[in-house]
C-alpha atoms as a PDB file:
ATOM      1  CA  MET A   1     175.615  80.562 122.881  1.00  0.00           C
ATOM      2  CA  SER A   2     176.874  84.054 122.277  1.00  0.00           C
ATOM      3  CA  TYR A   3     177.573  85.436 118.818  1.00  0.00           C
ATOM      4  CA  ARG A   4     179.184  88.607 120.146  1.00  0.00           C
ATOM      5  CA  LEU A   5     182.430  90.415 119.372  1.00  0.00           C
ATOM      6  CA  VAL A   6     183.816  92.679 122.086  1.00  0.00           C
ATOM      7  CA  ILE A   7     185.493  95.571 120.296  1.00  0.00           C
ATOM      8  CA  SER A   8     187.866  96.542 123.116  1.00  0.00           C
ATOM      9  CA  GLN A   9     189.269  92.990 123.112  1.00  0.00           C
ATOM     10  CA  LEU A  10     190.018  93.007 119.388  1.00  0.00           C
ATOM     11  CA  PRO A  11     193.603  93.901 118.495  1.00  0.00           C
ATOM     12  CA  GLN A  12     194.392  96.438 115.783  1.00  0.00           C
ATOM     13  CA  GLY A  13     194.574  94.742 112.425  1.00  0.00           C
ATOM     14  CA  GLU A  14     192.888  91.544 111.304  1.00  0.00           C
ATOM     15  CA  THR A  15     191.532  88.616 113.332  1.00  0.00           C
ATOM     16  CA  LEU A  16     189.438  85.588 112.401  1.00  0.00           C
ATOM     17  CA  HIS A  17     186.480  84.368 114.470  1.00  0.00           C
ATOM     18  CA  GLU A  18     184.473  81.201 113.870  1.00  0.00           C
ATOM     19  CA  TRP A  19     181.157  79.874 115.128  1.00  0.00           C
ATOM     20  CA  GLU A  20     179.134  76.722 114.524  1.00  0.00           C
ATOM     21  CA  ILE A  21     175.561  77.943 114.170  1.00  0.00           C
ATOM     22  CA  ARG A  22     172.914  75.449 115.255  1.00  0.00           C
ATOM     23  CA  ALA A  23     169.188  75.611 116.081  1.00  0.00           C
ATOM     24  CA  ASP A  24     169.879  77.471 119.353  1.00  0.00           C
ATOM     25  CA  LEU A  25     170.044  80.609 117.190  1.00  0.00           C
ATOM     26  CA  PHE A  26     166.227  80.435 116.898  1.00  0.00           C
ATOM     27  CA  GLU A  27     165.863  80.702 120.684  1.00  0.00           C
ATOM     28  CA  ILE A  28     168.010  83.840 120.711  1.00  0.00           C
ATOM     29  CA  ILE A  29     166.086  85.458 117.834  1.00  0.00           C
ATOM     30  CA  GLY A  30     162.617  84.142 118.703  1.00  0.00           C
ATOM     31  CA  SER A  31     161.824  83.043 115.152  1.00  0.00           C
ATOM     32  CA  SER A  32     162.758  80.173 112.843  1.00  0.00           C
ATOM     33  CA  TYR A  33     161.576  81.154 109.301  1.00  0.00           C
ATOM     34  CA  ASP A  34     160.290  77.566 108.976  1.00  0.00           C
ATOM     35  CA  ILE A  35     163.838  76.223 109.331  1.00  0.00           C
ATOM     36  CA  LEU A  36     163.581  72.833 111.036  1.00  0.00           C
ATOM     37  CA  ASP A  37     167.312  72.376 111.619  1.00  0.00           C
ATOM     38  CA  LEU A  38     170.604  73.808 110.426  1.00  0.00           C
ATOM     39  CA  SER A  39     174.340  73.453 110.581  1.00  0.00           C
ATOM     40  CA  VAL A  40     176.214  76.502 109.369  1.00  0.00           C
ATOM     41  CA  GLN A  41     179.860  77.434 109.778  1.00  0.00           C
ATOM     42  CA  ALA A  42     180.293  81.180 110.249  1.00  0.00           C
ATOM     43  CA  GLN A  43     183.651  82.801 109.628  1.00  0.00           C
ATOM     44  CA  VAL A  44     184.049  86.460 110.498  1.00  0.00           C
ATOM     45  CA  ARG A  45     187.173  88.295 109.467  1.00  0.00           C
ATOM     46  CA  ALA A  46     187.365  91.384 111.688  1.00  0.00           C
ATOM     47  CA  ARG A  47     189.642  94.266 110.734  1.00  0.00           C
ATOM     48  CA  ARG A  48     189.902  96.896 113.441  1.00  0.00           C
ATOM     49  CA  GLU A  49     191.248 100.262 112.386  1.00  0.00           C
ATOM     50  CA  ALA A  50     191.449 103.671 114.047  1.00  0.00           C
ATOM     51  CA  GLY A  51     187.884 104.828 113.388  1.00  0.00           C
ATOM     52  CA  HIS A  52     185.985 101.734 112.375  1.00  0.00           C
ATOM     53  CA  LEU A  53     185.593  97.961 112.462  1.00  0.00           C
ATOM     54  CA  ARG A  54     185.122  96.095 109.180  1.00  0.00           C
ATOM     55  CA  LEU A  55     183.554  92.623 109.310  1.00  0.00           C
ATOM     56  CA  GLU A  56     183.563  90.188 106.415  1.00  0.00           C
ATOM     57  CA  LEU A  57     181.057  87.429 107.148  1.00  0.00           C
ATOM     58  CA  HIS A  58     181.056  84.114 105.294  1.00  0.00           C
ATOM     59  CA  LEU A  59     178.391  81.495 106.060  1.00  0.00           C
ATOM     60  CA  LYS A  60     178.393  77.977 104.630  1.00  0.00           C
ATOM     61  CA  GLY A  61     176.397  74.893 105.549  1.00  0.00           C
ATOM     62  CA  TRP A  62     172.914  73.426 105.224  1.00  0.00           C
ATOM     63  CA  VAL A  63     169.372  74.010 106.412  1.00  0.00           C
ATOM     64  CA  ILE A  64     166.428  71.626 106.661  1.00  0.00           C
ATOM     65  CA  VAL A  65     163.160  73.204 105.519  1.00  0.00           C
ATOM     66  CA  PRO A  66     159.767  71.884 104.346  1.00  0.00           C
ATOM     67  CA  CYS A  67     159.686  71.194 100.616  1.00  0.00           C
ATOM     68  CA  ASP A  68     157.394  73.558  98.730  1.00  0.00           C
ATOM     69  CA  ARG A  69     155.925  70.658  96.775  1.00  0.00           C
ATOM     70  CA  GLY A  70     155.278  67.929  99.342  1.00  0.00           C
ATOM     71  CA  LEU A  71     156.026  69.590 102.700  1.00  0.00           C
ATOM     72  CA  GLU A  72     158.533  66.826 103.418  1.00  0.00           C
ATOM     73  CA  PRO A  73     161.702  68.008 105.204  1.00  0.00           C
ATOM     74  CA  ILE A  74     164.552  68.542 102.747  1.00  0.00           C
ATOM     75  CA  GLN A  75     168.151  69.586 103.246  1.00  0.00           C
ATOM     76  CA  LEU A  76     169.383  72.516 101.168  1.00  0.00           C
ATOM     77  CA  PRO A  77     172.967  73.800 100.982  1.00  0.00           C
ATOM     78  CA  ILE A  78     173.567  77.498 101.631  1.00  0.00           C
ATOM     79  CA  GLU A  79     176.552  79.766 101.201  1.00  0.00           C
ATOM     80  CA  THR A  80     176.713  83.537 101.427  1.00  0.00           C
ATOM     81  CA  SER A  81     179.119  86.391 102.145  1.00  0.00           C
ATOM     82  CA  HIS A  82     178.405  89.902 103.418  1.00  0.00           C
ATOM     83  CA  GLU A  83     180.311  92.902 104.692  1.00  0.00           C
ATOM     84  CA  GLN A  84     179.466  95.166 107.613  1.00  0.00           C
ATOM     85  CA  ILE A  85     181.218  98.285 108.841  1.00  0.00           C
ATOM     86  CA  TYR A  86     180.836  99.653 112.369  1.00  0.00           C
ATOM     87  CA  SER A  87     182.131 103.144 113.079  1.00  0.00           C
ATOM     88  CA  TRP A  88     182.667 104.912 116.390  1.00  0.00           C
ATOM     89  CA  ASP A  89     183.859 108.050 114.615  1.00  0.00           C
ATOM     90  CA  THR A  90     180.858 110.204 113.591  1.00  0.00           C
ATOM     91  CA  LEU A  91     182.921 111.812 110.819  1.00  0.00           C
ATOM     92  CA  TYR A  92     183.814 108.486 109.167  1.00  0.00           C
ATOM     93  CA  LEU A  93     181.967 107.915 105.911  1.00  0.00           C
ATOM     94  CA  PRO A  94     181.683 104.374 104.589  1.00  0.00           C
ATOM     95  CA  PRO A  95     183.341 103.480 101.314  1.00  0.00           C
ATOM     96  CA  GLU A  96     181.074 103.506  98.288  1.00  0.00           C
ATOM     97  CA  GLY A  97     179.287 100.209  97.755  1.00  0.00           C
ATOM     98  CA  THR A  98     179.247  99.242 101.432  1.00  0.00           C
ATOM     99  CA  GLU A  99     176.336  96.890 102.126  1.00  0.00           C
ATOM    100  CA  GLU A 100     175.725  97.677 105.769  1.00  0.00           C
ATOM    101  CA  PHE A 101     177.049 100.567 107.836  1.00  0.00           C
ATOM    102  CA  TYR A 102     176.385 101.176 111.536  1.00  0.00           C
ATOM    103  CA  THR A 103     177.459 103.965 113.857  1.00  0.00           C
ATOM    104  CA  LEU A 104     178.197 102.848 117.408  1.00  0.00           C
ATOM    105  CA  GLY A 105     177.476 105.033 120.393  1.00  0.00           C
ATOM    106  CA  PRO A 106     180.293 106.211 122.642  1.00  0.00           C
ATOM    107  CA  ARG A 107     179.566 103.508 125.251  1.00  0.00           C
ATOM    108  CA  GLU A 108     178.948 100.591 122.901  1.00  0.00           C
ATOM    109  CA  ASP A 109     181.750  98.079 123.123  1.00  0.00           C
ATOM    110  CA  SER A 110     180.296  94.979 121.487  1.00  0.00           C
ATOM    111  CA  VAL A 111     178.639  93.815 118.308  1.00  0.00           C
ATOM    112  CA  ASP A 112     176.025  91.052 118.554  1.00  0.00           C
ATOM    113  CA  LEU A 113     175.991  89.111 115.281  1.00  0.00           C
ATOM    114  CA  ALA A 114     173.062  86.777 116.097  1.00  0.00           C
ATOM    115  CA  GLN A 115     170.499  88.808 114.134  1.00  0.00           C
ATOM    116  CA  SER A 116     172.887  89.236 111.212  1.00  0.00           C
ATOM    117  CA  PHE A 117     173.590  85.501 111.075  1.00  0.00           C
ATOM    118  CA  TYR A 118     169.862  84.750 111.156  1.00  0.00           C
ATOM    119  CA  ASP A 119     169.074  87.310 108.445  1.00  0.00           C
ATOM    120  CA  TYR A 120     171.855  86.159 106.144  1.00  0.00           C
ATOM    121  CA  ILE A 121     170.935  82.484 106.560  1.00  0.00           C
ATOM    122  CA  CYS A 122     167.287  83.242 105.732  1.00  0.00           C
ATOM    123  CA  LEU A 123     168.313  85.282 102.687  1.00  0.00           C
ATOM    124  CA  ALA A 124     170.559  82.442 101.463  1.00  0.00           C
ATOM    125  CA  ILE A 125     167.697  79.925 101.365  1.00  0.00           C
ATOM    126  CA  PRO A 126     166.371  79.680  97.817  1.00  0.00           C
ATOM    127  CA  SER A 127     162.936  81.229  97.365  1.00  0.00           C
ATOM    128  CA  LYS A 128     161.830  77.967  95.728  1.00  0.00           C
ATOM    129  CA  ARG A 129     162.421  75.359  98.418  1.00  0.00           C
ATOM    130  CA  VAL A 130     162.837  72.168  96.398  1.00  0.00           C
ATOM    131  CA  ARG A 131     165.746  69.815  95.780  1.00  0.00           C
ATOM    132  CA  PRO A 132     167.515  70.442  92.463  1.00  0.00           C
ATOM    133  CA  THR A 133     166.789  66.827  91.407  1.00  0.00           C
ATOM    134  CA  CYS A 134     163.029  66.980  92.123  1.00  0.00           C
ATOM    135  CA  PRO A 135     161.038  64.939  91.230  1.00  0.00           C
ATOM    136  CA  ASP A 136     163.156  61.953  92.203  1.00  0.00           C
ATOM    137  CA  GLY A 137     162.975  58.826  94.359  1.00  0.00           C
ATOM    138  CA  ALA A 138     163.051  60.868  97.567  1.00  0.00           C
ATOM    139  CA  CYS A 139     159.739  62.571  96.705  1.00  0.00           C
ATOM    140  CA  PRO A 140     156.515  60.999  98.016  1.00  0.00           C
ATOM    141  CA  PRO A 141     154.721  58.934  95.335  1.00  0.00           C
ATOM    142  CA  TYR A 142     151.747  61.316  95.146  1.00  0.00           C
ATOM    143  CA  ILE A 143     154.099  64.236  94.396  1.00  0.00           C
ATOM    144  CA  GLN A 144     155.946  62.230  91.731  1.00  0.00           C
ATOM    145  CA  ALA A 145     152.643  61.273  90.092  1.00  0.00           C
ATOM    146  CA  TYR A 146     151.406  64.865  90.168  1.00  0.00           C
ATOM    147  CA  LEU A 147     154.612  66.284  88.697  1.00  0.00           C
ATOM    148  CA  GLU A 148     154.769  63.654  85.932  1.00  0.00           C
ATOM    149  CA  ILE A 149     151.291  64.449  84.528  1.00  0.00           C
ATOM    150  CA  SER A 150     151.700  65.763  81.009  1.00  0.00           C
ATOM    151  CA  PRO A 151     149.933  69.025  80.013  1.00  0.00           C
ATOM    152  CA  GLU A 152     147.583  67.049  77.740  1.00  0.00           C
ATOM    153  CA  GLU A 153     146.434  64.876  80.675  1.00  0.00           C
ATOM    154  CA  GLY A 154     146.033  67.739  83.163  1.00  0.00           C
END
């Protein structure tokens, strides 16, 4: 699957592009960040103007990763938004507070968003990979027993 926008095919003004991101993204990137599976809806609002292209990316869905406590696969929700600006005018300066700014060469006509999608998905995964309800009935018994030990017993 291609996660590419061809700039010359974008009309002036605003357009909306959508992708369903699945595990095939890992084949494109060559890495998985320990993500076992995922289903993420990507919406990209592209605004093409005279000297630049502004992309507003919104990703929402879920990932399946190993739990930090019991290494069992768990599903975690993710949602994130980011902005990117691509300029083909070397004199264009990005607005203050712009997250990511790229200058395109004179022959570049497309933007591949695969790496951006992968990076943003990985950044949206909580650093502590556990379910919010942990420990609960979905946890293996040995994890529940370990987590329920009081400080006096341990």
